Amino acid sequence: MFVFQMLSSASSVVKMPRHCFFLQLFISLLPLFSSGGNGSTFFFHKKDSDVFTRDHVKVNCSEPICIGHYREIYCEGAIMWATWYFGLQNECPGNRMRFEAEVILKNFDSSFDQQGRLYREDFRRFCKENFDDRPYLEEAQVKDWTADLGFLDRITSPKMKMFATAIHKIWPQLARRFVDDVFEHPDRYPFLAVPYTFLIPGNLVQMYYYWDTFWIVRGLLLSQMKETARGVLLNMAHVLQVRGHIPNSGNIQSVRRSQPPVFTLMVRDYYEASGDKQFLAEIIPALERELNWWRKNRTVVVHLESKNEQYIAYQYRTMANCPRPESLMLDYYFAMESSRDDLEFIWSSTNR
């Protein structure tokens, strides 16, 4: 998928779709009411339903997708369920809050009538009055990119040479930076902005991702773009400084999800290509910070009974065990249709 997105990207910024035809078809075939033996329920009416109540939602899970003031707006709670209930998940909530989270939640409560009902048009009005949907990224320049690279002429396979050339040519189209407003009002956006230019995996994914960045850095180094790669690594160090670890992505909805810890490998690749010992000395504290986080939060002991031995391993997983907000209904109904009673295990598995 990474390669496909790389080769099919265009220079314009597009919004990532949050659902597809098959997801809609899957949901439409499920019962209008689902209930599990664990106490989780959700009344899902047809898409043109006009009334939502808090009684429609009861989901038992103990570890939320994210924590902090974004939690009840972008990660879980009645706003997220209402937007899926009305089929407005592509419209609300927008990617910028107009007010502080406490004010938005109060405005949401005021949108219900005295009988505790929320009507579709009132919810639409709430969304328009409390959120903006504006670009948070802009195209950036990669000053160390050059059109022609000598190593491309050494590729003997015509197909592989065309493939490598296409990837090299697309780097300038994938370069992004956060707009100034994200840095000026960081509490209004559900993203962690990074200070340097980075490369998105493709125009369907308008954010940096940990696992994708590992391969992007390798590609940049092969394209002799050491300065850009250095900035990407500094971005990861910034994420470590703020978050304590590198989550799945820069989106707040991924903040409690971890992917394989490959930052050390990224730094190794950069050092082998550049020989920059000063940078290595500067980045080592960030590498130690990531290692210490994994030791504290992702350590598991594996017992090998046949040899009476035990091993220490690090397991990448999530702390969250609630449905993912970007796939809320899919996760919910998947768990409801499962034969397992431990829905938290199912939801924690889908969050990886």
Foldseek 3Di string as FASTA:
>chain_A
DLLVQLLPFDLDFDEADLDDPVLVVVLVPDDQWFDAPQGWIARADPLQDWKDAPVRGDDDWDFWLFDDLCRCAQTDHDLLVVCVSNVNLVQPQAQFFPDGSVVLVVQVQVQADPVRMHTPVSSVVSNVVTHDHDDFKDQDAQVPQDLDDPVLVVDPDPVVSVSLNSSSVSQSSFKMATDPVCVVCVSGGQFDGFDAIDGDSHSSGPWDFDVSLLVVLVSCLVSVSLVNSLSVLNRLLVCCVVLLEHFGTGGSSGSQFHDPPCSVVSVVSSCVSPVPVVSVVVCVVSVVSHVVCQVVPFWDWAADVVVRDIDIDGDGFGPTQAARSSSRSVLVVVLSPDPDNPSSVSSRVVSD
